[in-house]
Amino acid sequence: ITSEYTITKNKIQMKNFLMLLFSASFFMLTSCKEDKKAQETSKMEHVMKIHDEVMPKMGTLSKLVGQLKPLADSLGPESIEAKTMKDLQNANKDMMDWMQSF
């Protein structure tokens, strides 16, 4: 009877240990996912903050290109105005490409 009692007691202890191990593992995995989600949220907030600062300036880029175009056309493709206009157009394109790939 003592041997049977010891075996049953050991089984119960092992079962309790496994349940504790499973529970601890579950909580650790759940906790890690929450941390990762919080980091992703933080990164997204950072990206959106920059986006919100830059996006209103996109209209300014378009206006500047419009102002430079007549000068660039009359002065030629090697003029500073033409090169500046091209740089502004590239900045606009890069922003649009980034937004599409985001």
PDB file of N, CA and C in Angstrom:
ATOM      1  N   ILE A   1       0.837  -1.183   0.000  1.00  0.00           N
ATOM      2  CA  ILE A   1       0.000   0.000   0.000  1.00  0.00           C
ATOM      3  C   ILE A   1       0.880   1.243   0.000  1.00  0.00           C
ATOM      4  N   THR A   2       1.963   1.249   0.745  1.00  0.00           N
ATOM      5  CA  THR A   2       2.850   2.397   0.805  1.00  0.00           C
ATOM      6  C   THR A   2       3.483   2.646  -0.560  1.00  0.00           C
ATOM      7  N   SER A   3       3.881   1.580  -1.226  1.00  0.00           N
ATOM      8  CA  SER A   3       4.472   1.714  -2.545  1.00  0.00           C
ATOM      9  C   SER A   3       3.460   2.278  -3.538  1.00  0.00           C
ATOM     10  N   GLU A   4       2.237   1.794  -3.456  1.00  0.00           N
ATOM     11  CA  GLU A   4       1.164   2.281  -4.319  1.00  0.00           C
ATOM     12  C   GLU A   4       0.868   3.760  -4.038  1.00  0.00           C
ATOM     13  N   TYR A   5       0.879   4.123  -2.793  1.00  0.00           N
ATOM     14  CA  TYR A   5       0.634   5.504  -2.375  1.00  0.00           C
ATOM     15  C   TYR A   5       1.749   6.423  -2.905  1.00  0.00           C
ATOM     16  N   THR A   6       2.986   5.960  -2.808  1.00  0.00           N
ATOM     17  CA  THR A   6       4.132   6.738  -3.276  1.00  0.00           C
ATOM     18  C   THR A   6       4.061   6.938  -4.786  1.00  0.00           C
ATOM     19  N   ILE A   7       3.696   5.904  -5.528  1.00  0.00           N
ATOM     20  CA  ILE A   7       3.577   6.010  -6.986  1.00  0.00           C
ATOM     21  C   ILE A   7       2.472   7.004  -7.351  1.00  0.00           C
ATOM     22  N   THR A   8       1.331   6.907  -6.692  1.00  0.00           N
ATOM     23  CA  THR A   8       0.218   7.823  -6.958  1.00  0.00           C
ATOM     24  C   THR A   8       0.614   9.252  -6.618  1.00  0.00           C
ATOM     25  N   LYS A   9       1.292   9.415  -5.485  1.00  0.00           N
ATOM     26  CA  LYS A   9       1.744  10.735  -5.065  1.00  0.00           C
ATOM     27  C   LYS A   9       2.729  11.307  -6.089  1.00  0.00           C
ATOM     28  N   ASN A  10       3.651  10.489  -6.571  1.00  0.00           N
ATOM     29  CA  ASN A  10       4.624  10.928  -7.569  1.00  0.00           C
ATOM     30  C   ASN A  10       3.940  11.306  -8.888  1.00  0.00           C
ATOM     31  N   LYS A  11       2.920  10.544  -9.268  1.00  0.00           N
ATOM     32  CA  LYS A  11       2.173  10.854 -10.489  1.00  0.00           C
ATOM     33  C   LYS A  11       1.467  12.202 -10.358  1.00  0.00           C
ATOM     34  N   ILE A  12       0.883  12.439  -9.208  1.00  0.00           N
ATOM     35  CA  ILE A  12       0.186  13.707  -8.970  1.00  0.00           C
ATOM     36  C   ILE A  12       1.183  14.855  -8.984  1.00  0.00           C
ATOM     37  N   GLN A  13       2.341  14.655  -8.358  1.00  0.00           N
ATOM     38  CA  GLN A  13       3.366  15.694  -8.350  1.00  0.00           C
ATOM     39  C   GLN A  13       3.877  15.972  -9.769  1.00  0.00           C
ATOM     40  N   MET A  14       4.078  14.899 -10.547  1.00  0.00           N
ATOM     41  CA  MET A  14       4.539  15.051 -11.920  1.00  0.00           C
ATOM     42  C   MET A  14       3.488  15.778 -12.755  1.00  0.00           C
ATOM     43  N   LYS A  15       2.224  15.409 -12.563  1.00  0.00           N
ATOM     44  CA  LYS A  15       1.134  16.050 -13.286  1.00  0.00           C
ATOM     45  C   LYS A  15       1.073  17.539 -12.929  1.00  0.00           C
ATOM     46  N   ASN A  16       1.190  17.856 -11.661  1.00  0.00           N
ATOM     47  CA  ASN A  16       1.183  19.253 -11.220  1.00  0.00           C
ATOM     48  C   ASN A  16       2.378  20.020 -11.796  1.00  0.00           C
ATOM     49  N   PHE A  17       3.538  19.361 -11.813  1.00  0.00           N
ATOM     50  CA  PHE A  17       4.734  19.992 -12.359  1.00  0.00           C
ATOM     51  C   PHE A  17       4.546  20.275 -13.849  1.00  0.00           C
ATOM     52  N   LEU A  18       4.011  19.310 -14.593  1.00  0.00           N
ATOM     53  CA  LEU A  18       3.791  19.498 -16.021  1.00  0.00           C
ATOM     54  C   LEU A  18       2.768  20.604 -16.288  1.00  0.00           C
ATOM     55  N   MET A  19       1.725  20.669 -15.481  1.00  0.00           N
ATOM     56  CA  MET A  19       0.731  21.718 -15.626  1.00  0.00           C
ATOM     57  C   MET A  19       1.361  23.090 -15.361  1.00  0.00           C
ATOM     58  N   LEU A  20       2.183  23.155 -14.338  1.00  0.00           N
ATOM     59  CA  LEU A  20       2.869  24.400 -14.022  1.00  0.00           C
ATOM     60  C   LEU A  20       3.817  24.797 -15.155  1.00  0.00           C
ATOM     61  N   LEU A  21       4.556  23.841 -15.679  1.00  0.00           N
ATOM     62  CA  LEU A  21       5.479  24.104 -16.780  1.00  0.00           C
ATOM     63  C   LEU A  21       4.720  24.569 -18.019  1.00  0.00           C
ATOM     64  N   PHE A  22       3.621  23.900 -18.333  1.00  0.00           N
ATOM     65  CA  PHE A  22       2.796  24.285 -19.472  1.00  0.00           C
ATOM     66  C   PHE A  22       2.242  25.698 -19.284  1.00  0.00           C
ATOM     67  N   SER A  23       1.722  25.977 -18.106  1.00  0.00           N
ATOM     68  CA  SER A  23       1.154  27.298 -17.824  1.00  0.00           C
ATOM     69  C   SER A  23       2.208  28.392 -17.942  1.00  0.00           C
ATOM     70  N   ALA A  24       3.378  28.140 -17.388  1.00  0.00           N
ATOM     71  CA  ALA A  24       4.459  29.124 -17.443  1.00  0.00           C
ATOM     72  C   ALA A  24       4.879  29.368 -18.899  1.00  0.00           C
ATOM     73  N   SER A  25       4.986  28.297 -19.667  1.00  0.00           N
ATOM     74  CA  SER A  25       5.351  28.432 -21.088  1.00  0.00           C
ATOM     75  C   SER A  25       4.297  29.224 -21.844  1.00  0.00           C
ATOM     76  N   PHE A  26       3.046  28.924 -21.583  1.00  0.00           N
ATOM     77  CA  PHE A  26       1.951  29.620 -22.247  1.00  0.00           C
ATOM     78  C   PHE A  26       1.990  31.114 -21.941  1.00  0.00           C
ATOM     79  N   PHE A  27       2.165  31.458 -20.684  1.00  0.00           N
ATOM     80  CA  PHE A  27       2.197  32.869 -20.298  1.00  0.00           C
ATOM     81  C   PHE A  27       3.420  33.586 -20.866  1.00  0.00           C
ATOM     82  N   MET A  28       4.545  32.892 -20.945  1.00  0.00           N
ATOM     83  CA  MET A  28       5.740  33.509 -21.523  1.00  0.00           C
ATOM     84  C   MET A  28       5.532  33.788 -23.003  1.00  0.00           C
ATOM     85  N   LEU A  29       4.958  32.822 -23.729  1.00  0.00           N
ATOM     86  CA  LEU A  29       4.719  33.016 -25.156  1.00  0.00           C
ATOM     87  C   LEU A  29       3.707  34.128 -25.395  1.00  0.00           C
ATOM     88  N   THR A  30       2.676  34.158 -24.599  1.00  0.00           N
ATOM     89  CA  THR A  30       1.662  35.203 -24.727  1.00  0.00           C
ATOM     90  C   THR A  30       2.273  36.558 -24.428  1.00  0.00           C
ATOM     91  N   SER A  31       3.086  36.622 -23.417  1.00  0.00           N
ATOM     92  CA  SER A  31       3.740  37.870 -23.036  1.00  0.00           C
ATOM     93  C   SER A  31       4.656  38.362 -24.143  1.00  0.00           C
ATOM     94  N   CYS A  32       5.415  37.466 -24.767  1.00  0.00           N
ATOM     95  CA  CYS A  32       6.319  37.851 -25.852  1.00  0.00           C
ATOM     96  C   CYS A  32       5.543  38.416 -27.032  1.00  0.00           C
ATOM     97  N   LYS A  33       4.416  37.815 -27.350  1.00  0.00           N
ATOM     98  CA  LYS A  33       3.607  38.315 -28.458  1.00  0.00           C
ATOM     99  C   LYS A  33       3.092  39.717 -28.165  1.00  0.00           C
ATOM    100  N   GLU A  34       2.709  39.958 -26.928  1.00  0.00           N
ATOM    101  CA  GLU A  34       2.216  41.284 -26.558  1.00  0.00           C
ATOM    102  C   GLU A  34       3.330  42.317 -26.656  1.00  0.00           C
ATOM    103  N   ASP A  35       4.553  41.936 -26.235  1.00  0.00           N
ATOM    104  CA  ASP A  35       5.686  42.852 -26.337  1.00  0.00           C
ATOM    105  C   ASP A  35       5.973  43.182 -27.800  1.00  0.00           C
ATOM    106  N   LYS A  36       5.940  42.167 -28.660  1.00  0.00           N
ATOM    107  CA  LYS A  36       6.196  42.380 -30.078  1.00  0.00           C
ATOM    108  C   LYS A  36       5.118  43.279 -30.676  1.00  0.00           C
ATOM    109  N   LYS A  37       3.878  43.046 -30.287  1.00  0.00           N
ATOM    110  CA  LYS A  37       2.777  43.868 -30.786  1.00  0.00           C
ATOM    111  C   LYS A  37       2.958  45.317 -30.330  1.00  0.00           C
ATOM    112  N   ALA A  38       3.380  45.504 -29.095  1.00  0.00           N
ATOM    113  CA  ALA A  38       3.606  46.855 -28.576  1.00  0.00           C
ATOM    114  C   ALA A  38       4.743  47.538 -29.339  1.00  0.00           C
ATOM    115  N   GLN A  39       5.793  46.793 -29.665  1.00  0.00           N
ATOM    116  CA  GLN A  39       6.906  47.356 -30.422  1.00  0.00           C
ATOM    117  C   GLN A  39       6.448  47.748 -31.828  1.00  0.00           C
ATOM    118  N   GLU A  40       5.635  46.873 -32.456  1.00  0.00           N
ATOM    119  CA  GLU A  40       5.132  47.183 -33.790  1.00  0.00           C
ATOM    120  C   GLU A  40       4.249  48.422 -33.758  1.00  0.00           C
ATOM    121  N   THR A  41       3.432  48.544 -32.724  1.00  0.00           N
ATOM    122  CA  THR A  41       2.576  49.718 -32.584  1.00  0.00           C
ATOM    123  C   THR A  41       3.428  50.965 -32.426  1.00  0.00           C
ATOM    124  N   SER A  42       4.470  50.861 -31.618  1.00  0.00           N
ATOM    125  CA  SER A  42       5.362  52.001 -31.399  1.00  0.00           C
ATOM    126  C   SER A  42       6.044  52.411 -32.707  1.00  0.00           C
ATOM    127  N   LYS A  43       6.495  51.440 -33.495  1.00  0.00           N
ATOM    128  CA  LYS A  43       7.137  51.736 -34.774  1.00  0.00           C
ATOM    129  C   LYS A  43       6.144  52.387 -35.727  1.00  0.00           C
ATOM    130  N   MET A  44       4.931  51.866 -35.748  1.00  0.00           N
ATOM    131  CA  MET A  44       3.910  52.417 -36.629  1.00  0.00           C
ATOM    132  C   MET A  44       3.586  53.850 -36.230  1.00  0.00           C
ATOM    133  N   GLU A  45       3.501  54.117 -34.942  1.00  0.00           N
ATOM    134  CA  GLU A  45       3.242  55.484 -34.477  1.00  0.00           C
ATOM    135  C   GLU A  45       4.365  56.418 -34.916  1.00  0.00           C
ATOM    136  N   HIS A  46       5.607  55.936 -34.845  1.00  0.00           N
ATOM    137  CA  HIS A  46       6.765  56.732 -35.258  1.00  0.00           C
ATOM    138  C   HIS A  46       6.685  57.035 -36.761  1.00  0.00           C
ATOM    139  N   VAL A  47       6.386  56.014 -37.553  1.00  0.00           N
ATOM    140  CA  VAL A  47       6.275  56.191 -39.001  1.00  0.00           C
ATOM    141  C   VAL A  47       5.156  57.178 -39.327  1.00  0.00           C
ATOM    142  N   MET A  48       4.023  57.034 -38.668  1.00  0.00           N
ATOM    143  CA  MET A  48       2.889  57.916 -38.942  1.00  0.00           C
ATOM    144  C   MET A  48       3.189  59.359 -38.523  1.00  0.00           C
ATOM    145  N   LYS A  49       3.960  59.527 -37.464  1.00  0.00           N
ATOM    146  CA  LYS A  49       4.335  60.880 -37.034  1.00  0.00           C
ATOM    147  C   LYS A  49       5.173  61.557 -38.114  1.00  0.00           C
ATOM    148  N   ILE A  50       6.143  60.828 -38.648  1.00  0.00           N
ATOM    149  CA  ILE A  50       6.981  61.381 -39.721  1.00  0.00           C
ATOM    150  C   ILE A  50       6.133  61.635 -40.965  1.00  0.00           C
ATOM    151  N   HIS A  51       5.271  60.673 -41.286  1.00  0.00           N
ATOM    152  CA  HIS A  51       4.390  60.822 -42.441  1.00  0.00           C
ATOM    153  C   HIS A  51       3.543  62.086 -42.321  1.00  0.00           C
ATOM    154  N   ASP A  52       2.977  62.291 -41.138  1.00  0.00           N
ATOM    155  CA  ASP A  52       2.110  63.448 -40.922  1.00  0.00           C
ATOM    156  C   ASP A  52       2.874  64.772 -41.002  1.00  0.00           C
ATOM    157  N   GLU A  53       4.166  64.739 -40.698  1.00  0.00           N
ATOM    158  CA  GLU A  53       4.984  65.947 -40.820  1.00  0.00           C
ATOM    159  C   GLU A  53       5.352  66.215 -42.275  1.00  0.00           C
ATOM    160  N   VAL A  54       5.624  65.158 -43.022  1.00  0.00           N
ATOM    161  CA  VAL A  54       6.129  65.301 -44.385  1.00  0.00           C
ATOM    162  C   VAL A  54       5.007  65.492 -45.404  1.00  0.00           C
ATOM    163  N   MET A  55       3.903  64.819 -45.219  1.00  0.00           N
ATOM    164  CA  MET A  55       2.833  64.831 -46.223  1.00  0.00           C
ATOM    165  C   MET A  55       2.351  66.235 -46.586  1.00  0.00           C
ATOM    166  N   PRO A  56       2.153  67.148 -45.639  1.00  0.00           N
ATOM    167  CA  PRO A  56       1.732  68.499 -46.037  1.00  0.00           C
ATOM    168  C   PRO A  56       2.760  69.211 -46.926  1.00  0.00           C
ATOM    169  N   LYS A  57       4.015  68.803 -46.844  1.00  0.00           N
ATOM    170  CA  LYS A  57       5.064  69.427 -47.648  1.00  0.00           C
ATOM    171  C   LYS A  57       5.051  68.952 -49.101  1.00  0.00           C
ATOM    172  N   MET A  58       4.317  67.880 -49.358  1.00  0.00           N
ATOM    173  CA  MET A  58       4.244  67.363 -50.722  1.00  0.00           C
ATOM    174  C   MET A  58       3.585  68.380 -51.650  1.00  0.00           C
ATOM    175  N   GLY A  59       2.597  69.097 -51.157  1.00  0.00           N
ATOM    176  CA  GLY A  59       1.961  70.144 -51.951  1.00  0.00           C
ATOM    177  C   GLY A  59       2.939  71.243 -52.300  1.00  0.00           C
ATOM    178  N   THR A  60       3.808  71.567 -51.353  1.00  0.00           N
ATOM    179  CA  THR A  60       4.827  72.589 -51.585  1.00  0.00           C
ATOM    180  C   THR A  60       5.776  72.144 -52.692  1.00  0.00           C
ATOM    181  N   LEU A  61       6.123  70.851 -52.688  1.00  0.00           N
ATOM    182  CA  LEU A  61       6.995  70.335 -53.751  1.00  0.00           C
ATOM    183  C   LEU A  61       6.359  70.542 -55.118  1.00  0.00           C
ATOM    184  N   SER A  62       5.087  70.215 -55.211  1.00  0.00           N
ATOM    185  CA  SER A  62       4.389  70.364 -56.495  1.00  0.00           C
ATOM    186  C   SER A  62       4.348  71.828 -56.935  1.00  0.00           C
ATOM    187  N   LYS A  63       4.097  72.731 -55.996  1.00  0.00           N
ATOM    188  CA  LYS A  63       4.058  74.162 -56.335  1.00  0.00           C
ATOM    189  C   LYS A  63       5.426  74.645 -56.820  1.00  0.00           C
ATOM    190  N   LEU A  64       6.479  74.196 -56.130  1.00  0.00           N
ATOM    191  CA  LEU A  64       7.828  74.609 -56.527  1.00  0.00           C
ATOM    192  C   LEU A  64       8.183  74.079 -57.910  1.00  0.00           C
ATOM    193  N   VAL A  65       7.790  72.839 -58.193  1.00  0.00           N
ATOM    194  CA  VAL A  65       8.035  72.286 -59.524  1.00  0.00           C
ATOM    195  C   VAL A  65       7.314  73.132 -60.568  1.00  0.00           C
ATOM    196  N   GLY A  66       6.075  73.496 -60.268  1.00  0.00           N
ATOM    197  CA  GLY A  66       5.313  74.338 -61.192  1.00  0.00           C
ATOM    198  C   GLY A  66       5.965  75.688 -61.429  1.00  0.00           C
ATOM    199  N   GLN A  67       6.561  76.254 -60.405  1.00  0.00           N
ATOM    200  CA  GLN A  67       7.232  77.548 -60.536  1.00  0.00           C
ATOM    201  C   GLN A  67       8.559  77.418 -61.300  1.00  0.00           C
ATOM    202  N   LEU A  68       9.233  76.284 -61.100  1.00  0.00           N
ATOM    203  CA  LEU A  68      10.536  76.089 -61.749  1.00  0.00           C
ATOM    204  C   LEU A  68      10.418  75.666 -63.214  1.00  0.00           C
ATOM    205  N   LYS A  69       9.336  75.041 -63.567  1.00  0.00           N
ATOM    206  CA  LYS A  69       9.204  74.485 -64.917  1.00  0.00           C
ATOM    207  C   LYS A  69       9.408  75.522 -66.016  1.00  0.00           C
ATOM    208  N   PRO A  70       8.739  76.670 -65.974  1.00  0.00           N
ATOM    209  CA  PRO A  70       8.974  77.651 -67.050  1.00  0.00           C
ATOM    210  C   PRO A  70      10.441  78.112 -67.116  1.00  0.00           C
ATOM    211  N   LEU A  71      11.049  78.286 -65.954  1.00  0.00           N
ATOM    212  CA  LEU A  71      12.461  78.696 -65.928  1.00  0.00           C
ATOM    213  C   LEU A  71      13.355  77.593 -66.484  1.00  0.00           C
ATOM    214  N   ALA A  72      13.093  76.354 -66.047  1.00  0.00           N
ATOM    215  CA  ALA A  72      13.895  75.224 -66.505  1.00  0.00           C
ATOM    216  C   ALA A  72      13.753  75.029 -68.013  1.00  0.00           C
ATOM    217  N   ASP A  73      12.542  75.184 -68.521  1.00  0.00           N
ATOM    218  CA  ASP A  73      12.321  75.035 -69.961  1.00  0.00           C
ATOM    219  C   ASP A  73      13.058  76.108 -70.762  1.00  0.00           C
ATOM    220  N   SER A  74      13.062  77.317 -70.243  1.00  0.00           N
ATOM    221  CA  SER A  74      13.709  78.403 -70.990  1.00  0.00           C
ATOM    222  C   SER A  74      15.231  78.396 -70.837  1.00  0.00           C
ATOM    223  N   LEU A  75      15.729  77.927 -69.693  1.00  0.00           N
ATOM    224  CA  LEU A  75      17.180  77.959 -69.446  1.00  0.00           C
ATOM    225  C   LEU A  75      17.900  76.678 -69.870  1.00  0.00           C
ATOM    226  N   GLY A  76      17.159  75.601 -70.073  1.00  0.00           N
ATOM    227  CA  GLY A  76      17.770  74.355 -70.542  1.00  0.00           C
ATOM    228  C   GLY A  76      17.984  73.335 -69.435  1.00  0.00           C
ATOM    229  N   PRO A  77      18.230  72.082 -69.849  1.00  0.00           N
ATOM    230  CA  PRO A  77      18.318  70.971 -68.893  1.00  0.00           C
ATOM    231  C   PRO A  77      19.529  71.002 -67.963  1.00  0.00           C
ATOM    232  N   GLU A  78      20.537  71.786 -68.303  1.00  0.00           N
ATOM    233  CA  GLU A  78      21.742  71.853 -67.459  1.00  0.00           C
ATOM    234  C   GLU A  78      21.677  72.993 -66.445  1.00  0.00           C
ATOM    235  N   SER A  79      20.635  73.773 -66.487  1.00  0.00           N
ATOM    236  CA  SER A  79      20.518  74.893 -65.554  1.00  0.00           C
ATOM    237  C   SER A  79      20.233  74.394 -64.140  1.00  0.00           C
ATOM    238  N   ILE A  80      20.576  75.219 -63.175  1.00  0.00           N
ATOM    239  CA  ILE A  80      20.327  74.878 -61.766  1.00  0.00           C
ATOM    240  C   ILE A  80      18.828  74.718 -61.514  1.00  0.00           C
ATOM    241  N   GLU A  81      18.037  75.516 -62.237  1.00  0.00           N
ATOM    242  CA  GLU A  81      16.583  75.425 -62.083  1.00  0.00           C
ATOM    243  C   GLU A  81      16.063  74.070 -62.568  1.00  0.00           C
ATOM    244  N   ALA A  82      16.573  73.600 -63.698  1.00  0.00           N
ATOM    245  CA  ALA A  82      16.154  72.306 -64.246  1.00  0.00           C
ATOM    246  C   ALA A  82      16.593  71.161 -63.323  1.00  0.00           C
ATOM    247  N   LYS A  83      17.811  71.257 -62.815  1.00  0.00           N
ATOM    248  CA  LYS A  83      18.313  70.210 -61.908  1.00  0.00           C
ATOM    249  C   LYS A  83      17.531  70.205 -60.595  1.00  0.00           C
ATOM    250  N   THR A  84      17.217  71.396 -60.090  1.00  0.00           N
ATOM    251  CA  THR A  84      16.436  71.493 -58.857  1.00  0.00           C
ATOM    252  C   THR A  84      15.033  70.934 -59.066  1.00  0.00           C
ATOM    253  N   MET A  85      14.437  71.276 -60.215  1.00  0.00           N
ATOM    254  CA  MET A  85      13.109  70.749 -60.530  1.00  0.00           C
ATOM    255  C   MET A  85      13.141  69.220 -60.591  1.00  0.00           C
ATOM    256  N   LYS A  86      14.168  68.672 -61.206  1.00  0.00           N
ATOM    257  CA  LYS A  86      14.309  67.208 -61.310  1.00  0.00           C
ATOM    258  C   LYS A  86      14.461  66.586 -59.919  1.00  0.00           C
ATOM    259  N   ASP A  87      15.240  67.229 -59.054  1.00  0.00           N
ATOM    260  CA  ASP A  87      15.404  66.733 -57.680  1.00  0.00           C
ATOM    261  C   ASP A  87      14.071  66.729 -56.927  1.00  0.00           C
ATOM    262  N   LEU A  88      13.288  67.780 -57.111  1.00  0.00           N
ATOM    263  CA  LEU A  88      11.981  67.854 -56.452  1.00  0.00           C
ATOM    264  C   LEU A  88      11.027  66.792 -56.992  1.00  0.00           C
ATOM    265  N   GLN A  89      11.069  66.568 -58.293  1.00  0.00           N
ATOM    266  CA  GLN A  89      10.231  65.527 -58.890  1.00  0.00           C
ATOM    267  C   GLN A  89      10.637  64.140 -58.381  1.00  0.00           C
ATOM    268  N   ASN A  90      11.941  63.926 -58.250  1.00  0.00           N
ATOM    269  CA  ASN A  90      12.428  62.644 -57.725  1.00  0.00           C
ATOM    270  C   ASN A  90      12.017  62.449 -56.262  1.00  0.00           C
ATOM    271  N   ALA A  91      12.076  63.510 -55.484  1.00  0.00           N
ATOM    272  CA  ALA A  91      11.651  63.427 -54.077  1.00  0.00           C
ATOM    273  C   ALA A  91      10.172  63.055 -54.002  1.00  0.00           C
ATOM    274  N   ASN A  92       9.363  63.661 -54.852  1.00  0.00           N
ATOM    275  CA  ASN A  92       7.933  63.355 -54.894  1.00  0.00           C
ATOM    276  C   ASN A  92       7.708  61.896 -55.295  1.00  0.00           C
ATOM    277  N   LYS A  93       8.416  61.446 -56.309  1.00  0.00           N
ATOM    278  CA  LYS A  93       8.288  60.059 -56.774  1.00  0.00           C
ATOM    279  C   LYS A  93       8.727  59.079 -55.688  1.00  0.00           C
ATOM    280  N   ASP A  94       9.849  59.387 -55.030  1.00  0.00           N
ATOM    281  CA  ASP A  94      10.348  58.505 -53.966  1.00  0.00           C
ATOM    282  C   ASP A  94       9.330  58.378 -52.827  1.00  0.00           C
ATOM    283  N   MET A  95       8.706  59.478 -52.486  1.00  0.00           N
ATOM    284  CA  MET A  95       7.692  59.451 -51.428  1.00  0.00           C
ATOM    285  C   MET A  95       6.497  58.598 -51.845  1.00  0.00           C
ATOM    286  N   MET A  96       6.057  58.767 -53.077  1.00  0.00           N
ATOM    287  CA  MET A  96       4.912  57.984 -53.574  1.00  0.00           C
ATOM    288  C   MET A  96       5.263  56.493 -53.634  1.00  0.00           C
ATOM    289  N   ASP A  97       6.470  56.175 -54.096  1.00  0.00           N
ATOM    290  CA  ASP A  97       6.909  54.771 -54.142  1.00  0.00           C
ATOM    291  C   ASP A  97       6.961  54.180 -52.743  1.00  0.00           C
ATOM    292  N   TRP A  98       7.476  54.951 -51.790  1.00  0.00           N
ATOM    293  CA  TRP A  98       7.553  54.469 -50.405  1.00  0.00           C
ATOM    294  C   TRP A  98       6.154  54.189 -49.861  1.00  0.00           C
ATOM    295  N   MET A  99       5.224  55.101 -50.122  1.00  0.00           N
ATOM    296  CA  MET A  99       3.861  54.912 -49.607  1.00  0.00           C
ATOM    297  C   MET A  99       3.218  53.672 -50.220  1.00  0.00           C
ATOM    298  N   GLN A 100       3.456  53.419 -51.495  1.00  0.00           N
ATOM    299  CA  GLN A 100       2.876  52.228 -52.125  1.00  0.00           C
ATOM    300  C   GLN A 100       3.469  50.948 -51.553  1.00  0.00           C
ATOM    301  N   SER A 101       4.762  50.949 -51.267  1.00  0.00           N
ATOM    302  CA  SER A 101       5.392  49.727 -50.743  1.00  0.00           C
ATOM    303  C   SER A 101       5.165  49.529 -49.254  1.00  0.00           C
ATOM    304  N   PHE A 102       4.729  50.582 -48.565  1.00  0.00           N
ATOM    305  CA  PHE A 102       4.478  50.483 -47.122  1.00  0.00           C
ATOM    306  C   PHE A 102       3.220  49.669 -46.914  1.00  0.00           C
TER     307      PHE A 102
END
